Structures are given as structure tokens and as C-alpha cells.
Protein backbone atom coordinates (compact mmCIF):
# COMPACT_ATOMS: atom_id res chain seq x y z
CA MET A 1 -9.85 34.77 -57.86
CA ARG A 2 -12.89 35.96 -56.43
CA LEU A 3 -11.03 39.08 -54.54
CA PRO A 4 -13.20 42.44 -54.05
CA GLY A 5 -13.33 44.54 -56.86
CA LYS A 6 -15.61 46.06 -59.42
CA ASP A 7 -15.19 45.74 -63.46
CA GLY A 8 -12.19 43.33 -63.10
CA LYS A 9 -10.41 45.53 -60.92
CA ILE A 10 -9.10 44.65 -57.35
CA ASP A 11 -10.10 46.60 -54.41
CA LEU A 12 -6.57 46.71 -52.78
CA ASP A 13 -7.88 48.32 -49.63
CA ALA A 14 -10.51 46.21 -49.00
CA ALA A 15 -8.66 42.98 -50.30
CA SER A 16 -5.47 43.92 -48.20
CA ALA A 17 -7.67 43.98 -44.93
CA MET A 18 -9.27 40.80 -45.90
CA VAL A 19 -5.70 39.20 -45.84
CA ALA A 20 -4.54 40.95 -42.74
CA ARG A 21 -7.78 39.63 -40.72
CA ALA A 22 -7.39 35.99 -42.37
CA LEU A 23 -3.76 35.84 -41.37
CA GLU A 24 -4.77 37.24 -37.99
CA HIS A 25 -6.94 34.12 -37.38
CA GLY A 26 -4.76 31.44 -38.73
CA CYS A 27 -6.11 31.64 -42.31
CA ASN A 28 -2.69 31.33 -43.86
CA TYR A 29 -3.14 29.30 -47.27
CA PHE A 30 -3.64 31.36 -50.60
CA ASP A 31 -4.24 29.98 -53.85
CA THR A 32 -3.35 32.11 -57.24
CA ALA A 33 -2.72 31.20 -60.47
CA TYR A 34 -1.21 33.19 -63.67
CA VAL A 35 -4.56 33.67 -65.41
CA TYR A 36 -6.43 35.16 -62.41
CA PRO A 37 -6.32 38.81 -63.68
CA GLY A 38 -4.59 41.05 -61.41
CA SER A 39 -4.13 38.10 -58.64
CA GLU A 40 -0.44 37.51 -58.24
CA GLU A 41 0.29 40.74 -58.33
CA PHE A 42 -1.89 41.86 -55.47
CA ILE A 43 -0.33 38.80 -53.78
CA GLY A 44 3.11 40.31 -54.21
CA GLN A 45 1.96 43.92 -52.92
CA VAL A 46 0.29 42.68 -50.08
CA LEU A 47 1.63 39.40 -48.96
CA SER A 48 5.28 40.58 -49.13
CA LYS A 49 4.55 42.70 -45.99
CA TYR A 50 4.27 39.51 -43.98
CA PRO A 51 6.95 36.64 -42.91
CA ARG A 52 7.55 34.25 -45.58
CA ASP A 53 7.03 31.67 -43.22
CA SER A 54 3.71 33.18 -42.06
CA TYR A 55 1.87 31.97 -44.78
CA TYR A 56 1.68 29.10 -47.52
CA LEU A 57 1.50 30.19 -51.27
CA THR A 58 -0.22 28.49 -54.33
CA SER A 59 -0.05 29.15 -58.19
CA LYS A 60 -0.16 27.08 -61.23
CA MET A 61 1.42 26.62 -64.52
CA PRO A 62 -1.17 27.45 -66.84
CA ILE A 63 -0.85 24.42 -69.83
CA ARG A 64 -3.10 25.58 -71.92
CA CYS A 65 -0.78 29.14 -72.28
CA LEU A 66 2.20 27.15 -73.56
CA LYS A 67 3.41 26.97 -77.04
CA SER A 68 6.86 25.58 -76.44
CA GLU A 69 8.91 24.42 -73.66
CA ASP A 70 10.77 27.69 -73.72
CA ASP A 71 7.22 29.30 -72.14
CA LEU A 72 7.55 27.21 -69.09
CA GLU A 73 10.90 29.10 -67.72
CA ARG A 74 9.18 32.48 -68.98
CA ILE A 75 6.02 32.09 -67.04
CA PHE A 76 7.47 30.72 -63.96
CA GLN A 77 9.92 33.71 -63.59
CA GLU A 78 7.16 36.12 -64.38
CA GLN A 79 5.20 34.42 -61.64
CA LEU A 80 8.09 34.51 -59.08
CA ARG A 81 8.35 38.48 -60.01
CA ARG A 82 4.77 38.92 -59.94
CA THR A 83 4.31 37.66 -56.30
CA LYS A 84 7.91 38.43 -54.82
CA ALA A 85 7.46 34.99 -53.12
CA GLY A 86 10.72 33.89 -53.46
CA TYR A 87 9.20 30.18 -53.59
CA PHE A 88 5.90 28.52 -53.91
CA ASP A 89 4.88 25.95 -51.08
CA PHE A 90 2.64 24.23 -53.67
CA TYR A 91 3.09 24.28 -57.36
CA PHE A 92 0.26 23.03 -59.50
CA MET A 93 -0.26 22.09 -63.19
CA HIS A 94 -3.55 23.99 -63.85
CA TRP A 95 -6.62 22.71 -65.25
CA LEU A 96 -5.58 19.26 -66.39
CA ASN A 97 -8.23 17.65 -68.36
CA ALA A 98 -8.28 15.58 -71.50
CA ARG A 99 -7.11 18.36 -73.72
CA HIS A 100 -4.19 19.78 -71.36
CA TRP A 101 -2.39 16.57 -70.17
CA PRO A 102 -1.19 15.67 -73.25
CA MET A 103 -0.18 18.99 -73.73
CA ALA A 104 1.89 18.77 -70.28
CA GLN A 105 3.33 15.67 -71.27
CA GLU A 106 4.80 17.26 -74.72
CA PHE A 107 6.41 20.03 -72.95
CA GLN A 108 7.44 18.16 -70.38
CA VAL A 109 6.08 20.04 -67.69
CA TRP A 110 6.68 17.61 -64.76
CA ASP A 111 10.30 17.74 -65.58
CA PHE A 112 10.73 21.40 -65.06
CA LEU A 113 8.49 21.08 -62.21
CA GLU A 114 10.85 18.69 -60.51
CA LYS A 115 13.95 21.00 -61.63
CA GLN A 116 12.34 24.01 -59.75
CA LYS A 117 11.64 21.81 -56.65
CA ALA A 118 15.24 20.66 -56.30
CA GLU A 119 16.90 24.23 -56.78
CA GLY A 120 14.03 25.36 -53.71
CA ARG A 121 11.81 27.17 -55.84
CA ILE A 122 9.06 24.79 -55.10
CA ARG A 123 8.19 23.01 -52.20
CA HIS A 124 5.30 20.70 -53.35
CA ILE A 125 4.22 19.64 -56.61
CA GLY A 126 0.39 19.06 -57.67
CA PHE A 127 -2.19 19.70 -60.21
CA SER A 128 -5.80 21.32 -60.24
CA PHE A 129 -8.23 18.53 -62.31
CA HIS A 130 -11.44 19.01 -64.20
CA ASP A 131 -12.48 16.19 -66.00
CA GLU A 132 -13.64 12.47 -65.57
CA PRO A 133 -12.58 10.19 -62.75
CA GLU A 134 -10.61 7.76 -65.25
CA LEU A 135 -8.56 10.16 -66.34
CA LEU A 136 -8.01 11.66 -63.04
CA GLU A 137 -6.56 8.02 -61.88
CA LYS A 138 -4.31 7.97 -65.23
CA ILE A 139 -2.57 11.42 -64.22
CA ALA A 140 -2.43 10.86 -60.57
CA THR A 141 -0.64 7.57 -61.12
CA ALA A 142 1.75 9.00 -63.98
CA TYR A 143 4.32 11.06 -61.41
CA PRO A 144 4.59 11.13 -57.33
CA TRP A 145 2.09 14.04 -57.06
CA GLU A 146 1.98 15.68 -53.37
CA LEU A 147 -1.50 17.56 -53.60
CA VAL A 148 -4.26 17.38 -56.06
CA GLN A 149 -7.20 19.92 -56.24
CA ILE A 150 -10.57 18.96 -57.26
CA GLN A 151 -13.90 20.61 -57.34
CA LEU A 152 -16.02 18.73 -54.34
CA ASN A 153 -19.41 19.83 -52.69
CA TYR A 154 -22.62 18.38 -51.96
CA LEU A 155 -24.52 19.38 -55.30
CA ASP A 156 -21.51 17.43 -57.30
CA TRP A 157 -20.62 15.09 -55.22
CA GLU A 158 -22.64 12.28 -57.17
CA ILE A 159 -23.71 13.79 -60.42
CA CYS A 160 -20.31 15.21 -60.88
CA ARG A 161 -18.59 12.12 -59.69
CA SER A 162 -16.85 14.02 -56.99
CA ARG A 163 -17.20 11.09 -54.65
CA GLU A 164 -15.06 8.82 -57.54
CA MET A 165 -12.29 11.48 -57.59
CA TYR A 166 -12.24 11.74 -53.86
CA GLU A 167 -11.98 7.82 -53.52
CA ILE A 168 -9.12 7.59 -56.19
CA LEU A 169 -7.29 9.88 -54.53
CA THR A 170 -7.50 8.82 -51.06
CA LYS A 171 -6.73 5.06 -52.24
CA LEU A 172 -3.62 6.31 -53.85
CA GLY A 173 -2.65 8.28 -50.47
CA ILE A 174 -2.84 11.53 -52.16
CA PRO A 175 -3.92 14.57 -50.00
CA VAL A 176 -6.68 16.62 -51.59
CA ALA A 177 -7.20 20.33 -51.63
CA ILE A 178 -11.18 21.38 -52.52
CA MET A 179 -12.01 24.19 -54.91
CA GLU A 180 -15.73 25.17 -55.12
CA PRO A 181 -16.92 23.83 -51.97
CA LEU A 182 -19.96 26.44 -52.67
CA LYS A 183 -20.14 25.99 -56.28
CA GLY A 184 -19.03 29.50 -56.84
CA GLY A 185 -21.92 30.89 -54.87
CA THR A 186 -24.61 28.70 -55.96
CA LEU A 187 -25.07 26.71 -52.66
CA VAL A 188 -25.30 29.79 -51.04
CA GLN A 189 -28.44 31.25 -53.11
CA LEU A 190 -30.74 28.30 -52.76
CA THR A 191 -34.26 28.42 -53.11
CA ASP A 192 -36.16 29.64 -50.03
CA SER A 193 -37.43 25.91 -49.36
CA ALA A 194 -33.91 24.55 -49.38
CA ARG A 195 -32.82 27.31 -46.90
CA LYS A 196 -35.50 26.63 -44.83
CA ILE A 197 -34.37 23.38 -44.23
CA PHE A 198 -30.77 24.44 -43.34
CA THR A 199 -32.24 27.24 -41.11
CA ASP A 200 -34.73 24.85 -39.41
CA ALA A 201 -31.86 22.47 -38.41
CA LYS A 202 -29.25 25.37 -37.12
CA PRO A 203 -30.86 28.71 -37.11
CA ASP A 204 -27.65 29.87 -35.86
CA ARG A 205 -25.12 28.72 -38.62
CA SER A 206 -25.08 30.42 -42.26
CA ILE A 207 -25.66 28.41 -45.11
CA ALA A 208 -22.60 28.86 -46.57
CA SER A 209 -21.15 26.84 -43.32
CA TRP A 210 -22.90 23.86 -44.50
CA GLY A 211 -21.26 23.58 -47.84
CA LEU A 212 -17.99 23.97 -46.37
CA ARG A 213 -18.30 21.78 -43.20
CA TYR A 214 -19.28 19.01 -45.94
CA ALA A 215 -16.25 19.50 -47.92
CA ALA A 216 -13.92 19.66 -44.76
CA SER A 217 -15.55 16.59 -43.04
CA LEU A 218 -13.82 14.35 -45.68
CA PRO A 219 -10.84 12.93 -43.60
CA ASN A 220 -8.21 13.07 -46.87
CA VAL A 221 -9.32 16.78 -47.44
CA GLN A 222 -6.37 19.01 -46.14
CA ILE A 223 -7.45 22.45 -47.56
CA VAL A 224 -10.67 24.02 -48.59
CA LEU A 225 -10.79 26.73 -50.83
CA SER A 226 -13.50 29.94 -50.48
CA GLY A 227 -13.14 32.28 -53.18
CA MET A 228 -14.27 35.36 -50.43
CA SER A 229 -14.96 38.64 -51.89
CA ALA A 230 -16.17 40.33 -49.01
CA MET A 231 -15.42 41.11 -45.19
CA ASP A 232 -18.69 39.55 -43.91
CA GLN A 233 -17.91 36.41 -45.92
CA LEU A 234 -14.47 36.06 -44.32
CA GLU A 235 -15.90 36.48 -40.86
CA ASP A 236 -18.57 34.01 -41.26
CA ASN A 237 -16.05 31.26 -42.79
CA LEU A 238 -13.78 31.94 -39.83
CA ARG A 239 -16.66 31.16 -37.53
CA THR A 240 -17.17 27.99 -39.42
CA PHE A 241 -13.46 26.72 -39.22
CA THR A 242 -12.64 28.02 -35.76
CA GLY A 243 -13.29 25.13 -33.24
CA PHE A 244 -14.26 22.97 -36.49
CA THR A 245 -16.81 20.01 -36.08
CA PRO A 246 -17.41 17.86 -39.02
CA LEU A 247 -20.69 16.90 -39.71
CA THR A 248 -22.60 14.51 -37.76
CA ASP A 249 -25.00 11.67 -39.52
CA VAL A 250 -28.43 13.97 -38.74
CA GLU A 251 -26.45 16.99 -40.20
CA ARG A 252 -25.79 14.86 -43.45
CA GLU A 253 -29.22 13.81 -43.70
CA THR A 254 -29.84 17.64 -43.61
CA VAL A 255 -27.66 18.26 -46.57
CA ALA A 256 -29.41 15.59 -48.35
CA ASP A 257 -33.28 16.83 -47.77
CA ALA A 258 -31.78 20.39 -48.69
CA LEU A 259 -30.41 18.77 -51.72
CA GLU A 260 -33.49 16.91 -52.98
CA GLU A 261 -35.50 20.23 -52.30
CA TYR A 262 -32.78 22.36 -54.45
CA ARG A 263 -32.61 20.01 -57.32
CA LYS A 264 -36.28 20.87 -58.19
CA THR A 265 -35.45 24.20 -59.68
CA GLY A 266 -33.24 22.99 -62.73
CA THR A 267 -30.57 25.62 -62.30
CA VAL A 268 -27.48 25.84 -64.31
CA PRO A 269 -24.64 24.47 -62.53
CA CYS A 270 -22.25 27.28 -63.32
CA THR A 271 -19.60 28.22 -61.12
CA GLY A 272 -18.64 31.98 -62.57
CA CYS A 273 -14.98 30.55 -62.69
CA ARG A 274 -15.13 33.02 -66.02
CA TYR A 275 -13.13 30.15 -68.15
CA CYS A 276 -15.60 30.69 -70.91
CA ARG A 277 -14.68 34.11 -71.92
CA PRO A 278 -13.73 36.13 -73.86
CA CYS A 279 -16.89 35.47 -76.13
CA PRO A 280 -16.22 36.63 -79.66
CA ARG A 281 -19.90 38.04 -79.75
CA GLY A 282 -19.38 40.21 -75.96
CA VAL A 283 -21.91 38.02 -74.28
CA ASP A 284 -21.31 38.12 -70.30
CA ILE A 285 -21.59 34.66 -69.97
CA PRO A 286 -21.57 34.14 -66.20
CA ARG A 287 -23.66 37.02 -65.62
CA ASN A 288 -26.47 35.63 -68.47
CA LEU A 289 -26.33 32.64 -66.34
CA ALA A 290 -26.24 33.76 -62.88
CA LEU A 291 -29.54 35.94 -63.55
CA TYR A 292 -31.31 32.66 -65.20
CA ASN A 293 -30.28 30.77 -62.34
CA GLN A 294 -31.86 33.40 -60.00
CA THR A 295 -35.09 33.35 -62.15
CA LYS A 296 -35.48 29.64 -61.70
CA ALA A 297 -34.76 29.91 -57.95
CA GLN A 298 -37.20 32.51 -57.05
CA GLY A 299 -39.69 31.19 -59.66
CA SER A 300 -40.03 34.43 -61.67
CA ALA A 301 -38.01 36.82 -63.20
CA GLY A 302 -38.46 39.64 -61.39
CA SER A 303 -35.35 41.93 -60.56
CA ALA A 304 -33.35 39.46 -62.40
CA GLY A 305 -35.19 40.66 -65.44
CA MET A 306 -34.89 44.10 -64.86
CA VAL A 307 -31.31 43.61 -64.33
CA TYR A 308 -31.02 41.79 -67.66
CA ASP A 309 -32.66 44.58 -69.52
CA ALA A 310 -30.44 46.99 -68.29
CA MET A 311 -27.22 45.29 -69.54
CA PRO A 312 -25.37 46.39 -72.91
CA GLU A 313 -26.98 44.71 -75.66
CA ALA A 314 -23.93 42.98 -77.00
CA GLU A 315 -23.65 41.48 -73.30
CA ARG A 316 -27.00 40.04 -73.21
CA ALA A 317 -27.70 36.34 -73.90
CA SER A 318 -29.61 37.28 -76.92
CA ASN A 319 -26.66 38.41 -78.66
CA CYS A 320 -25.30 34.66 -78.41
CA VAL A 321 -24.81 33.16 -81.85
CA ALA A 322 -24.39 29.40 -80.42
CA CYS A 323 -20.61 29.28 -82.12
CA GLY A 324 -19.87 26.94 -79.02
CA LEU A 325 -16.29 28.68 -78.35
CA CYS A 326 -17.41 28.83 -74.71
CA LYS A 327 -18.84 25.07 -74.67
CA THR A 328 -15.14 23.91 -75.21
CA ARG A 329 -13.89 25.72 -72.55
CA CYS A 330 -16.34 25.13 -69.66
CA PRO A 331 -15.14 22.89 -67.02
CA GLN A 332 -18.28 22.28 -66.16
CA LYS A 333 -19.25 20.96 -69.25
CA ILE A 334 -22.43 22.74 -69.63
CA ASP A 335 -23.82 23.34 -73.24
CA ILE A 336 -23.61 27.19 -72.71
CA PRO A 337 -25.31 28.12 -75.69
CA ALA A 338 -28.49 25.86 -74.95
CA GLN A 339 -28.57 27.40 -71.62
CA LEU A 340 -28.18 30.93 -73.01
CA LYS A 341 -30.87 30.14 -75.39
CA LYS A 342 -33.41 29.15 -72.30
CA ALA A 343 -32.09 32.49 -70.67
CA VAL A 344 -33.22 34.51 -73.74
CA GLU A 345 -36.88 32.82 -73.70
CA VAL A 346 -37.48 33.47 -69.73
CA PHE A 347 -36.45 36.90 -70.10
CA ALA A 348 -38.45 37.45 -73.57
CA SER A 349 -41.48 36.02 -72.16
CA ARG A 350 -41.81 38.63 -69.36
CA ASN A 351 -42.23 41.20 -72.17
CA ARG A 352 -44.88 39.42 -74.00
């Protein structure tokens, strides 16, 4: 989802080199989806060079794209063609929430996936989830799921009820896969004061390693996803997981202290997933929110303001008319129009 590239185009050479390096060091689980632009095709181009039993591949059925049961076969076959994988080790119902779960039931997605599993095209069935714990428990007890992917990180543990979701799945004996352990990079781009707490405690460890180890230290977590877009990020993650050790009690206190410091900034919990796009007005929502968060973390508009001014006018937050479409799509339930309005105020104030 966050492969190296520019303007929506994957840098094939850079991404291929990262895949080779990852496999060389035992990182062999790859997560893709029908709606990630170019991702399944990239998987097919690169992973097909390696023995099929040397990696695990997960893709997902885009519930929001379904118009009829006929779409299930069409989309699934297209994914097999794109990935050239022959079968999926794990296959999820994608982005289940209060809107998509009834659709999954209406179109009998479970029955379709069970059929594919019986025929050898799927090894394990699961789902990815973006909603409240109450709905998670309802879905998790509906079928014999084999893996569930939830958003979990030390920022969301309480405020987004990730702890409750993890505990529900653990109680049910369902293994957990973690997405957004760094909240789309938010937990790397901390305030200087929060970063200092981490670096003072462990000068030789990266800021990212704290978030990854936090997620991976939970006993029922089987997989931690990391959206790496550069080789140095991959190398850092390999260092983190080579000879992995769970967080100690003292390290958990360090995380709590850094989190308390970071929360003082009032940043927007955007992960950069881009599910809010396209905006009918052309606003680049993730970029605007990232720039706004940068101003909050730095205490002033600074360089973020210059980047904002250089953006095409149609892509700026000031072009938002508060239609609310993005708000209905956001997995984090962010009031995006309200946050864009705040961004406009911050960037406008520097020109007064």
C-alpha cells in the first residue's frame, strides 16, 4: 500500500530491491488488496520470480465495490491474474464496518470464500476491520475466522478502543494481524519532546522500533504489517525484528511517558490511508492533514506553510466546501471538513 514511488506510480526497481532484501532476511508475508493502485500487479510481477512456498500472500475482497454476487467471481479471478499467485495464503473481506458487513451478508461472501478454500485457491479466511468493538464481536462470532486484521498502536490502544478489540479476538481464540502499528507514520513524526523521551531511554533504537515492538509484544499478535516506502525503513524494521524481544515493563512506562507528551499537540489521527479520496473538489486531503500535523508538532507553520502555498490551488484545504463525502469514508471517523478548516486558518494566519 505504501510502496516506493511518486504521483501514484510504483518505483519498480526500488520496490523490487526491497522485496528481495526482505525475503533474504526472512520477511515473507506480503499484504495487498484489489483497491491498492498497482499493488496486486506489482506482486505478480515481482513475487512470481520466487518459489511459491517461499512467501505468504494476503489479498482482500473489496466489499464496498460489490454490486451483485456475480462481482465476487469476477474480482477474485482478476486478483488471481494480477498476482499470478495461483492461490492466496490468506484472503480477507476488506474493511468490514457497519456499512459493509450487511453487504457481505447480502452477497453471501462467506459462502463464496469457503468454496474457493475448498477448491484450493484460499488457504485461510479472515477479515480486516474498521469500526467499534461491539460490531467486531458480532462479526467475529458469525463464522470460523482464521485471522483478523485490526488497527492497533500505542496511540489508539485506549482512545480508539484497540485494546478492547484485541481482547475480544484473543478471548475467541482468533489470531490477530496488526495494521497501522505506526499510524501511517504519525508515531515516527513525533514532537521533539516526545522523541527525546525515547532517545534518552534507548539512544541506539529508532523511534519506529518502539511502535513496532509495542504491537508485536502482544501474545496473540501473529503478524505486524509495516508499510515501508524506502530501503532504510526496511533495514530499520529488519533490525527491530531480528532477535526480537518484547517490551519490558520499564519500556512500557517509557512509551506511556512519550505518549502523554505527544498528546499535548492536538494532532489529527490521520493515517494517510487515502480512503477519503477522490475528493469531488480535488482537495488532497491526506497531504493537507499531514502538513497541518507538521505545524502542530513543530509549533509553527514553518516549512509546512511553504509547501502548502506551493500546492495547486484546487488541492489546498481552502478548496473544501464541506460536502462531507470524505467523512463517510474515513476509517478513523475524523471530522475531515472541520480539520481542513483548522488547517486553512493556520496557513492563512501566517500571511496576515
